[in-house]
PDB file of N, CA and C in Angstrom:
ATOM      1  N   MET A   1      -1.940   2.334  -2.480  1.00  0.00           N
ATOM      2  CA  MET A   1      -2.890   2.640  -2.120  1.00  0.00           C
ATOM      3  C   MET A   1      -3.858   1.165  -2.391  1.00  0.00           C
ATOM      4  N   SER A   2      -3.738   1.048  -3.875  1.00  0.00           N
ATOM      5  CA  SER A   2      -4.652   0.128  -4.241  1.00  0.00           C
ATOM      6  C   SER A   2      -3.954  -1.625  -4.019  1.00  0.00           C
ATOM      7  N   ASN A   3      -5.314  -2.518  -3.830  1.00  0.00           N
ATOM      8  CA  ASN A   3      -4.968  -3.726  -3.544  1.00  0.00           C
ATOM      9  C   ASN A   3      -4.683  -4.656  -4.590  1.00  0.00           C
ATOM     10  N   PRO A   4      -4.107  -4.831  -5.434  1.00  0.00           N
ATOM     11  CA  PRO A   4      -3.963  -5.599  -6.681  1.00  0.00           C
ATOM     12  C   PRO A   4      -4.556  -6.651  -6.463  1.00  0.00           C
ATOM     13  N   LEU A   5      -5.254  -7.246  -5.389  1.00  0.00           N
ATOM     14  CA  LEU A   5      -6.340  -8.685  -4.935  1.00  0.00           C
ATOM     15  C   LEU A   5      -7.743  -7.807  -5.077  1.00  0.00           C
ATOM     16  N   GLU A   6      -7.718  -6.528  -5.024  1.00  0.00           N
ATOM     17  CA  GLU A   6      -9.155  -6.208  -4.761  1.00  0.00           C
ATOM     18  C   GLU A   6      -9.938  -6.272  -6.150  1.00  0.00           C
ATOM     19  N   LYS A   7     -11.510  -7.213  -6.455  1.00  0.00           N
ATOM     20  CA  LYS A   7     -11.738  -7.048  -7.308  1.00  0.00           C
ATOM     21  C   LYS A   7     -12.891  -5.760  -7.117  1.00  0.00           C
ATOM     22  N   PRO A   8     -13.207  -5.125  -8.365  1.00  0.00           N
ATOM     23  CA  PRO A   8     -13.540  -4.091  -8.513  1.00  0.00           C
ATOM     24  C   PRO A   8     -15.307  -4.945  -8.848  1.00  0.00           C
ATOM     25  N   VAL A   9     -16.061  -3.579  -7.798  1.00  0.00           N
ATOM     26  CA  VAL A   9     -17.237  -3.437  -8.370  1.00  0.00           C
ATOM     27  C   VAL A   9     -17.540  -2.875  -9.688  1.00  0.00           C
ATOM     28  N   LEU A  10     -18.485  -3.576 -10.617  1.00  0.00           N
ATOM     29  CA  LEU A  10     -19.190  -3.202 -11.196  1.00  0.00           C
ATOM     30  C   LEU A  10     -20.576  -2.363 -10.941  1.00  0.00           C
ATOM     31  N   ILE A  11     -20.335  -0.913 -11.555  1.00  0.00           N
ATOM     32  CA  ILE A  11     -21.471  -0.172 -11.029  1.00  0.00           C
ATOM     33  C   ILE A  11     -21.788   0.407 -12.606  1.00  0.00           C
ATOM     34  N   ASP A  12     -23.220   1.061 -12.611  1.00  0.00           N
ATOM     35  CA  ASP A  12     -23.655   1.932 -13.838  1.00  0.00           C
ATOM     36  C   ASP A  12     -23.317   3.086 -13.394  1.00  0.00           C
ATOM     37  N   LYS A  13     -23.347   3.906 -15.028  1.00  0.00           N
ATOM     38  CA  LYS A  13     -22.744   5.279 -14.627  1.00  0.00           C
ATOM     39  C   LYS A  13     -23.551   6.251 -13.973  1.00  0.00           C
ATOM     40  N   GLU A  14     -24.725   5.926 -13.964  1.00  0.00           N
ATOM     41  CA  GLU A  14     -25.743   6.790 -13.476  1.00  0.00           C
ATOM     42  C   GLU A  14     -25.507   6.885 -12.278  1.00  0.00           C
ATOM     43  N   VAL A  15     -24.559   6.079 -11.269  1.00  0.00           N
ATOM     44  CA  VAL A  15     -24.329   5.713  -9.912  1.00  0.00           C
ATOM     45  C   VAL A  15     -22.836   7.043  -9.385  1.00  0.00           C
ATOM     46  N   VAL A  16     -22.524   6.958 -10.460  1.00  0.00           N
ATOM     47  CA  VAL A  16     -21.585   8.048  -9.598  1.00  0.00           C
ATOM     48  C   VAL A  16     -21.682   9.272  -9.439  1.00  0.00           C
ATOM     49  N   SER A  17     -22.727  10.160  -9.757  1.00  0.00           N
ATOM     50  CA  SER A  17     -23.060  11.204  -9.183  1.00  0.00           C
ATOM     51  C   SER A  17     -23.043  11.364  -7.509  1.00  0.00           C
ATOM     52  N   GLU A  18     -23.521   9.624  -7.231  1.00  0.00           N
ATOM     53  CA  GLU A  18     -23.980   9.360  -5.581  1.00  0.00           C
ATOM     54  C   GLU A  18     -22.152   9.136  -4.646  1.00  0.00           C
ATOM     55  N   LEU A  19     -21.220   8.644  -5.563  1.00  0.00           N
ATOM     56  CA  LEU A  19     -20.263   8.683  -5.163  1.00  0.00           C
ATOM     57  C   LEU A  19     -19.004   9.668  -4.406  1.00  0.00           C
ATOM     58  N   ARG A  20     -18.505   9.116  -3.594  1.00  0.00           N
ATOM     59  CA  ARG A  20     -17.591  10.266  -2.854  1.00  0.00           C
ATOM     60  C   ARG A  20     -16.244  10.157  -2.970  1.00  0.00           C
ATOM     61  N   PHE A  21     -15.439  11.098  -3.378  1.00  0.00           N
ATOM     62  CA  PHE A  21     -13.647  10.796  -3.795  1.00  0.00           C
ATOM     63  C   PHE A  21     -13.394  11.628  -2.962  1.00  0.00           C
ATOM     64  N   PRO A  22     -12.067  10.554  -2.397  1.00  0.00           N
ATOM     65  CA  PRO A  22     -11.345  11.477  -1.336  1.00  0.00           C
ATOM     66  C   PRO A  22     -10.027  12.075  -2.111  1.00  0.00           C
ATOM     67  N   GLU A  23      -9.397  12.841  -1.616  1.00  0.00           N
ATOM     68  CA  GLU A  23      -8.606  13.568  -2.092  1.00  0.00           C
ATOM     69  C   GLU A  23      -6.776  13.149  -3.132  1.00  0.00           C
ATOM     70  N   PRO A  24      -6.568  12.086  -2.166  1.00  0.00           N
ATOM     71  CA  PRO A  24      -5.048  11.111  -2.227  1.00  0.00           C
ATOM     72  C   PRO A  24      -5.393  10.871  -3.768  1.00  0.00           C
ATOM     73  N   ASP A  25      -4.047  11.038  -4.821  1.00  0.00           N
ATOM     74  CA  ASP A  25      -4.564  10.382  -5.963  1.00  0.00           C
ATOM     75  C   ASP A  25      -3.952   9.032  -5.698  1.00  0.00           C
ATOM     76  N   VAL A  26      -4.623   7.936  -6.210  1.00  0.00           N
ATOM     77  CA  VAL A  26      -4.639   6.419  -6.022  1.00  0.00           C
ATOM     78  C   VAL A  26      -3.187   5.697  -6.778  1.00  0.00           C
ATOM     79  N   LEU A  27      -2.637   6.660  -7.732  1.00  0.00           N
ATOM     80  CA  LEU A  27      -0.914   6.543  -8.435  1.00  0.00           C
ATOM     81  C   LEU A  27      -0.018   7.616  -7.786  1.00  0.00           C
ATOM     82  N   PHE A  28       1.151   6.814  -7.544  1.00  0.00           N
ATOM     83  CA  PHE A  28       2.265   7.204  -7.016  1.00  0.00           C
ATOM     84  C   PHE A  28       3.518   7.515  -7.728  1.00  0.00           C
ATOM     85  N   ASN A  29       3.773   6.524  -8.862  1.00  0.00           N
ATOM     86  CA  ASN A  29       4.484   6.722  -9.490  1.00  0.00           C
ATOM     87  C   ASN A  29       4.209   7.551 -11.021  1.00  0.00           C
ATOM     88  N   PRO A  30       5.209   8.401 -11.354  1.00  0.00           N
ATOM     89  CA  PRO A  30       5.176   9.297 -12.322  1.00  0.00           C
ATOM     90  C   PRO A  30       4.922   8.908 -13.670  1.00  0.00           C
ATOM     91  N   SER A  31       5.816   7.717 -14.140  1.00  0.00           N
ATOM     92  CA  SER A  31       5.510   7.140 -15.159  1.00  0.00           C
ATOM     93  C   SER A  31       3.716   6.457 -15.114  1.00  0.00           C
ATOM     94  N   ALA A  32       3.035   6.088 -14.243  1.00  0.00           N
ATOM     95  CA  ALA A  32       1.654   5.319 -14.340  1.00  0.00           C
ATOM     96  C   ALA A  32       0.989   6.833 -14.123  1.00  0.00           C
ATOM     97  N   ILE A  33       1.202   7.851 -13.657  1.00  0.00           N
ATOM     98  CA  ILE A  33       0.539   8.931 -13.965  1.00  0.00           C
ATOM     99  C   ILE A  33       0.127   9.611 -15.444  1.00  0.00           C
ATOM    100  N   SER A  34       1.922   9.530 -15.717  1.00  0.00           N
ATOM    101  CA  SER A  34       1.737  10.071 -17.486  1.00  0.00           C
ATOM    102  C   SER A  34       0.877   8.748 -18.358  1.00  0.00           C
ATOM    103  N   LYS A  35       1.022   7.936 -18.383  1.00  0.00           N
ATOM    104  CA  LYS A  35       0.536   6.558 -18.212  1.00  0.00           C
ATOM    105  C   LYS A  35      -1.086   6.518 -18.617  1.00  0.00           C
ATOM    106  N   ARG A  36      -1.813   6.987 -17.575  1.00  0.00           N
ATOM    107  CA  ARG A  36      -3.418   7.064 -16.917  1.00  0.00           C
ATOM    108  C   ARG A  36      -3.285   8.056 -18.049  1.00  0.00           C
ATOM    109  N   GLN A  37      -2.612   9.679 -18.155  1.00  0.00           N
ATOM    110  CA  GLN A  37      -2.942  11.023 -18.652  1.00  0.00           C
ATOM    111  C   GLN A  37      -3.685  10.079 -20.679  1.00  0.00           C
ATOM    112  N   GLY A  38      -2.307   9.666 -20.862  1.00  0.00           N
ATOM    113  CA  GLY A  38      -2.500   8.856 -22.123  1.00  0.00           C
ATOM    114  C   GLY A  38      -3.781   8.407 -22.518  1.00  0.00           C
ATOM    115  N   GLU A  39      -3.917   7.123 -21.619  1.00  0.00           N
ATOM    116  CA  GLU A  39      -5.082   6.333 -22.012  1.00  0.00           C
ATOM    117  C   GLU A  39      -6.791   7.212 -21.870  1.00  0.00           C
ATOM    118  N   ILE A  40      -6.318   8.797 -20.938  1.00  0.00           N
ATOM    119  CA  ILE A  40      -7.565   8.990 -21.038  1.00  0.00           C
ATOM    120  C   ILE A  40      -7.816   9.773 -22.410  1.00  0.00           C
ATOM    121  N   ASP A  41      -6.780  10.458 -22.772  1.00  0.00           N
ATOM    122  CA  ASP A  41      -6.845  11.313 -23.918  1.00  0.00           C
ATOM    123  C   ASP A  41      -6.915  10.470 -25.298  1.00  0.00           C
ATOM    124  N   ARG A  42      -6.309   9.238 -25.209  1.00  0.00           N
ATOM    125  CA  ARG A  42      -6.933   8.253 -26.335  1.00  0.00           C
ATOM    126  C   ARG A  42      -8.603   7.954 -26.246  1.00  0.00           C
ATOM    127  N   ALA A  43      -8.808   7.562 -24.888  1.00  0.00           N
ATOM    128  CA  ALA A  43     -10.270   7.576 -24.676  1.00  0.00           C
ATOM    129  C   ALA A  43     -11.244   8.498 -25.115  1.00  0.00           C
ATOM    130  N   VAL A  44     -10.629   9.480 -24.642  1.00  0.00           N
ATOM    131  CA  VAL A  44     -11.518  10.661 -25.183  1.00  0.00           C
ATOM    132  C   VAL A  44     -11.967  10.989 -26.831  1.00  0.00           C
ATOM    133  N   TYR A  45     -10.622  10.843 -27.548  1.00  0.00           N
ATOM    134  CA  TYR A  45     -10.317  10.980 -29.018  1.00  0.00           C
ATOM    135  C   TYR A  45     -11.565  10.103 -29.507  1.00  0.00           C
ATOM    136  N   LEU A  46     -11.411   8.373 -29.090  1.00  0.00           N
ATOM    137  CA  LEU A  46     -12.487   7.444 -29.402  1.00  0.00           C
ATOM    138  C   LEU A  46     -13.687   7.314 -29.186  1.00  0.00           C
ATOM    139  N   GLY A  47     -13.731   8.148 -27.997  1.00  0.00           N
ATOM    140  CA  GLY A  47     -14.976   8.220 -27.675  1.00  0.00           C
ATOM    141  C   GLY A  47     -16.447   9.403 -28.413  1.00  0.00           C
ATOM    142  N   ASN A  48     -15.352  10.473 -29.113  1.00  0.00           N
ATOM    143  CA  ASN A  48     -15.641  11.679 -29.886  1.00  0.00           C
ATOM    144  C   ASN A  48     -15.892  11.091 -31.271  1.00  0.00           C
ATOM    145  N   THR A  49     -15.035   9.920 -31.333  1.00  0.00           N
ATOM    146  CA  THR A  49     -15.090   9.976 -33.301  1.00  0.00           C
ATOM    147  C   THR A  49     -15.494   8.532 -33.662  1.00  0.00           C
ATOM    148  N   GLU A  50     -15.475   7.951 -33.069  1.00  0.00           N
ATOM    149  CA  GLU A  50     -16.212   6.620 -32.973  1.00  0.00           C
ATOM    150  C   GLU A  50     -16.919   5.929 -31.883  1.00  0.00           C
ATOM    151  N   HIS A  51     -17.464   7.231 -31.008  1.00  0.00           N
ATOM    152  CA  HIS A  51     -18.127   6.168 -29.958  1.00  0.00           C
ATOM    153  C   HIS A  51     -17.943   5.253 -29.069  1.00  0.00           C
ATOM    154  N   THR A  52     -16.504   4.867 -29.318  1.00  0.00           N
ATOM    155  CA  THR A  52     -16.288   3.778 -28.215  1.00  0.00           C
ATOM    156  C   THR A  52     -16.237   3.962 -26.968  1.00  0.00           C
ATOM    157  N   LYS A  53     -16.204   2.755 -26.445  1.00  0.00           N
ATOM    158  CA  LYS A  53     -16.416   2.548 -24.836  1.00  0.00           C
ATOM    159  C   LYS A  53     -15.329   1.726 -24.251  1.00  0.00           C
ATOM    160  N   VAL A  54     -15.194   2.788 -22.908  1.00  0.00           N
ATOM    161  CA  VAL A  54     -14.252   1.921 -22.482  1.00  0.00           C
ATOM    162  C   VAL A  54     -14.280   1.613 -20.736  1.00  0.00           C
ATOM    163  N   ARG A  55     -13.481   0.614 -19.826  1.00  0.00           N
ATOM    164  CA  ARG A  55     -13.638  -0.143 -19.218  1.00  0.00           C
ATOM    165  C   ARG A  55     -12.630   1.017 -17.871  1.00  0.00           C
ATOM    166  N   ILE A  56     -13.494   1.813 -17.142  1.00  0.00           N
ATOM    167  CA  ILE A  56     -12.845   2.449 -16.032  1.00  0.00           C
ATOM    168  C   ILE A  56     -12.356   2.170 -14.847  1.00  0.00           C
ATOM    169  N   LEU A  57     -11.295   2.064 -14.317  1.00  0.00           N
ATOM    170  CA  LEU A  57     -11.130   1.552 -13.058  1.00  0.00           C
ATOM    171  C   LEU A  57     -10.967   2.445 -12.110  1.00  0.00           C
ATOM    172  N   PHE A  58     -11.460   2.992 -11.095  1.00  0.00           N
ATOM    173  CA  PHE A  58     -11.448   3.993 -10.339  1.00  0.00           C
ATOM    174  C   PHE A  58     -12.255   3.756  -8.543  1.00  0.00           C
ATOM    175  N   HIS A  59     -11.272   4.207  -7.451  1.00  0.00           N
ATOM    176  CA  HIS A  59     -11.521   4.626  -6.357  1.00  0.00           C
ATOM    177  C   HIS A  59     -12.330   5.342  -5.887  1.00  0.00           C
ATOM    178  N   ASP A  60     -13.525   5.268  -5.135  1.00  0.00           N
ATOM    179  CA  ASP A  60     -14.249   6.295  -4.338  1.00  0.00           C
ATOM    180  C   ASP A  60     -14.065   6.045  -2.875  1.00  0.00           C
ATOM    181  N   ASN A  61     -14.343   6.302  -2.017  1.00  0.00           N
ATOM    182  CA  ASN A  61     -13.977   6.273  -0.873  1.00  0.00           C
ATOM    183  C   ASN A  61     -14.374   4.828   0.093  1.00  0.00           C
ATOM    184  N   ALA A  62     -14.842   3.938  -0.798  1.00  0.00           N
ATOM    185  CA  ALA A  62     -15.636   2.884  -0.596  1.00  0.00           C
ATOM    186  C   ALA A  62     -14.786   1.409  -0.990  1.00  0.00           C
ATOM    187  N   GLY A  63     -14.077   1.612  -2.443  1.00  0.00           N
ATOM    188  CA  GLY A  63     -12.990   0.898  -2.773  1.00  0.00           C
ATOM    189  C   GLY A  63     -13.258   1.049  -4.201  1.00  0.00           C
ATOM    190  N   LEU A  64     -12.618  -0.139  -5.090  1.00  0.00           N
ATOM    191  CA  LEU A  64     -12.478  -0.490  -6.519  1.00  0.00           C
ATOM    192  C   LEU A  64     -13.703  -0.486  -7.256  1.00  0.00           C
ATOM    193  N   LYS A  65     -14.162   0.430  -8.448  1.00  0.00           N
ATOM    194  CA  LYS A  65     -15.498   0.130  -9.066  1.00  0.00           C
ATOM    195  C   LYS A  65     -14.842   0.391 -10.617  1.00  0.00           C
ATOM    196  N   GLN A  66     -15.721  -0.166 -10.677  1.00  0.00           N
ATOM    197  CA  GLN A  66     -15.533  -0.046 -12.699  1.00  0.00           C
ATOM    198  C   GLN A  66     -16.857   0.259 -13.549  1.00  0.00           C
ATOM    199  N   ILE A  67     -16.564   0.865 -14.153  1.00  0.00           N
ATOM    200  CA  ILE A  67     -17.706   1.260 -15.030  1.00  0.00           C
ATOM    201  C   ILE A  67     -17.228   1.372 -17.141  1.00  0.00           C
ATOM    202  N   GLU A  68     -18.289   0.786 -17.423  1.00  0.00           N
ATOM    203  CA  GLU A  68     -17.630   0.969 -19.067  1.00  0.00           C
ATOM    204  C   GLU A  68     -18.659   1.742 -19.582  1.00  0.00           C
ATOM    205  N   THR A  69     -18.095   2.320 -20.219  1.00  0.00           N
ATOM    206  CA  THR A  69     -18.751   3.686 -20.920  1.00  0.00           C
ATOM    207  C   THR A  69     -17.880   5.007 -21.955  1.00  0.00           C
ATOM    208  N   THR A  70     -18.600   5.657 -22.316  1.00  0.00           N
ATOM    209  CA  THR A  70     -17.620   6.289 -23.372  1.00  0.00           C
ATOM    210  C   THR A  70     -17.481   8.230 -22.736  1.00  0.00           C
ATOM    211  N   ILE A  71     -15.989   8.077 -22.733  1.00  0.00           N
ATOM    212  CA  ILE A  71     -15.617   9.400 -21.998  1.00  0.00           C
ATOM    213  C   ILE A  71     -15.897  10.573 -23.257  1.00  0.00           C
ATOM    214  N   TRP A  72     -16.830  11.122 -22.466  1.00  0.00           N
ATOM    215  CA  TRP A  72     -17.268  12.816 -24.029  1.00  0.00           C
ATOM    216  C   TRP A  72     -16.211  13.641 -23.715  1.00  0.00           C
ATOM    217  N   GLY A  73     -15.389  13.865 -22.565  1.00  0.00           N
ATOM    218  CA  GLY A  73     -14.683  15.034 -22.861  1.00  0.00           C
ATOM    219  C   GLY A  73     -13.529  14.375 -21.163  1.00  0.00           C
ATOM    220  N   ALA A  74     -12.737  15.602 -21.120  1.00  0.00           N
ATOM    221  CA  ALA A  74     -11.736  15.926 -19.788  1.00  0.00           C
ATOM    222  C   ALA A  74     -11.359  17.053 -19.678  1.00  0.00           C
ATOM    223  N   THR A  75     -11.119  17.649 -18.732  1.00  0.00           N
ATOM    224  CA  THR A  75     -10.554  18.565 -17.848  1.00  0.00           C
ATOM    225  C   THR A  75      -8.874  18.435 -17.387  1.00  0.00           C
ATOM    226  N   ASP A  76      -8.551  19.133 -16.908  1.00  0.00           N
ATOM    227  CA  ASP A  76      -7.263  18.658 -16.016  1.00  0.00           C
ATOM    228  C   ASP A  76      -7.476  18.322 -14.747  1.00  0.00           C
ATOM    229  N   LYS A  77      -8.589  18.112 -14.048  1.00  0.00           N
ATOM    230  CA  LYS A  77      -9.209  17.536 -12.694  1.00  0.00           C
ATOM    231  C   LYS A  77      -9.919  16.397 -13.547  1.00  0.00           C
ATOM    232  N   ARG A  78     -10.839  16.068 -13.934  1.00  0.00           N
ATOM    233  CA  ARG A  78     -12.149  15.307 -14.187  1.00  0.00           C
ATOM    234  C   ARG A  78     -11.896  14.817 -15.693  1.00  0.00           C
ATOM    235  N   ILE A  79     -12.726  13.829 -15.562  1.00  0.00           N
ATOM    236  CA  ILE A  79     -13.207  13.431 -17.394  1.00  0.00           C
ATOM    237  C   ILE A  79     -14.690  13.422 -17.316  1.00  0.00           C
ATOM    238  N   ILE A  80     -15.377  13.789 -18.191  1.00  0.00           N
ATOM    239  CA  ILE A  80     -16.689  13.883 -18.325  1.00  0.00           C
ATOM    240  C   ILE A  80     -17.475  12.685 -18.817  1.00  0.00           C
ATOM    241  N   LEU A  81     -18.374  12.211 -18.539  1.00  0.00           N
ATOM    242  CA  LEU A  81     -18.973  10.957 -18.708  1.00  0.00           C
ATOM    243  C   LEU A  81     -20.609  11.690 -19.115  1.00  0.00           C
ATOM    244  N   LYS A  82     -21.473  10.706 -20.345  1.00  0.00           N
ATOM    245  CA  LYS A  82     -22.899  11.122 -20.794  1.00  0.00           C
ATOM    246  C   LYS A  82     -23.260  11.704 -19.417  1.00  0.00           C
ATOM    247  N   SER A  83     -23.970  12.538 -19.767  1.00  0.00           N
ATOM    248  CA  SER A  83     -25.022  13.428 -18.816  1.00  0.00           C
ATOM    249  C   SER A  83     -24.582  13.831 -17.451  1.00  0.00           C
ATOM    250  N   GLY A  84     -23.186  14.646 -17.896  1.00  0.00           N
ATOM    251  CA  GLY A  84     -22.424  15.216 -17.038  1.00  0.00           C
ATOM    252  C   GLY A  84     -21.825  14.570 -16.149  1.00  0.00           C
ATOM    253  N   MET A  85     -21.816  13.144 -15.729  1.00  0.00           N
ATOM    254  CA  MET A  85     -20.993  12.579 -14.583  1.00  0.00           C
ATOM    255  C   MET A  85     -19.916  13.076 -14.610  1.00  0.00           C
ATOM    256  N   VAL A  86     -19.208  12.838 -13.351  1.00  0.00           N
ATOM    257  CA  VAL A  86     -17.639  13.124 -13.641  1.00  0.00           C
ATOM    258  C   VAL A  86     -16.787  12.191 -12.920  1.00  0.00           C
ATOM    259  N   ILE A  87     -16.133  12.140 -13.038  1.00  0.00           N
ATOM    260  CA  ILE A  87     -14.682  11.368 -12.123  1.00  0.00           C
ATOM    261  C   ILE A  87     -13.736  11.973 -12.132  1.00  0.00           C
ATOM    262  N   PRO A  88     -12.972  11.872 -10.872  1.00  0.00           N
ATOM    263  CA  PRO A  88     -11.934  12.861 -10.991  1.00  0.00           C
ATOM    264  C   PRO A  88     -10.465  12.418 -11.443  1.00  0.00           C
ATOM    265  N   ILE A  89     -10.074  12.617 -12.262  1.00  0.00           N
ATOM    266  CA  ILE A  89      -8.624  12.122 -12.392  1.00  0.00           C
ATOM    267  C   ILE A  89      -7.736  11.326 -11.429  1.00  0.00           C
ATOM    268  N   HIS A  90      -7.433  11.634 -10.565  1.00  0.00           N
ATOM    269  CA  HIS A  90      -6.503  11.323  -9.559  1.00  0.00           C
ATOM    270  C   HIS A  90      -7.187  10.365  -8.732  1.00  0.00           C
ATOM    271  N   ARG A  91      -8.469   9.616  -9.411  1.00  0.00           N
ATOM    272  CA  ARG A  91      -9.350   8.469  -8.511  1.00  0.00           C
ATOM    273  C   ARG A  91      -8.973   7.468  -9.680  1.00  0.00           C
ATOM    274  N   ILE A  92      -8.916   8.006 -10.934  1.00  0.00           N
ATOM    275  CA  ILE A  92      -8.565   6.812 -11.794  1.00  0.00           C
ATOM    276  C   ILE A  92      -7.551   5.934 -11.861  1.00  0.00           C
ATOM    277  N   GLN A  93      -7.611   4.658 -11.571  1.00  0.00           N
ATOM    278  CA  GLN A  93      -6.512   3.883 -11.388  1.00  0.00           C
ATOM    279  C   GLN A  93      -6.350   3.713 -13.361  1.00  0.00           C
ATOM    280  N   GLU A  94      -7.092   3.181 -13.857  1.00  0.00           N
ATOM    281  CA  GLU A  94      -6.722   2.584 -15.319  1.00  0.00           C
ATOM    282  C   GLU A  94      -8.224   2.900 -16.413  1.00  0.00           C
ATOM    283  N   VAL A  95      -7.692   3.251 -17.331  1.00  0.00           N
ATOM    284  CA  VAL A  95      -8.373   3.255 -18.389  1.00  0.00           C
ATOM    285  C   VAL A  95      -7.993   1.940 -19.099  1.00  0.00           C
ATOM    286  N   LYS A  96      -9.118   0.998 -19.766  1.00  0.00           N
ATOM    287  CA  LYS A  96      -8.523   0.210 -20.735  1.00  0.00           C
ATOM    288  C   LYS A  96      -9.604   0.275 -22.311  1.00  0.00           C
ATOM    289  N   ILE A  97      -9.134   0.320 -22.973  1.00  0.00           N
ATOM    290  CA  ILE A  97      -9.527   0.418 -24.415  1.00  0.00           C
ATOM    291  C   ILE A  97      -9.646  -0.319 -24.826  1.00  0.00           C
TER     292      ILE A  97
END
C-alpha cells in the first residue's frame, strides 16, 4: 500500500484531529505489524518516563504524514498524543525513536 519513494508531509500534531483515516491496515506482514506494536510500546514507555519525542510516520486518506511528538498512551486500536489527539494504529507505518 505504501510507496517507498513517497516523502512524508511534516504536520503539527494539532492537525491530526482534522485528518480522515481509511480502514485498511498499511502493513500486511505479521512481523512488521508486531514490530510496529513493539515500537509503540517502547515509545509510550519513553514518553511517560522521559518525555521522549518520537517520529511517527502514518497514512491518512491523502497520503504519508509525519509528526514529531510524545506518545502518552495507547489502546488496542489507537495511540494517544497530547491534548487527546489520536491516531489509529492500523494507519501507522513506523515509529522512530
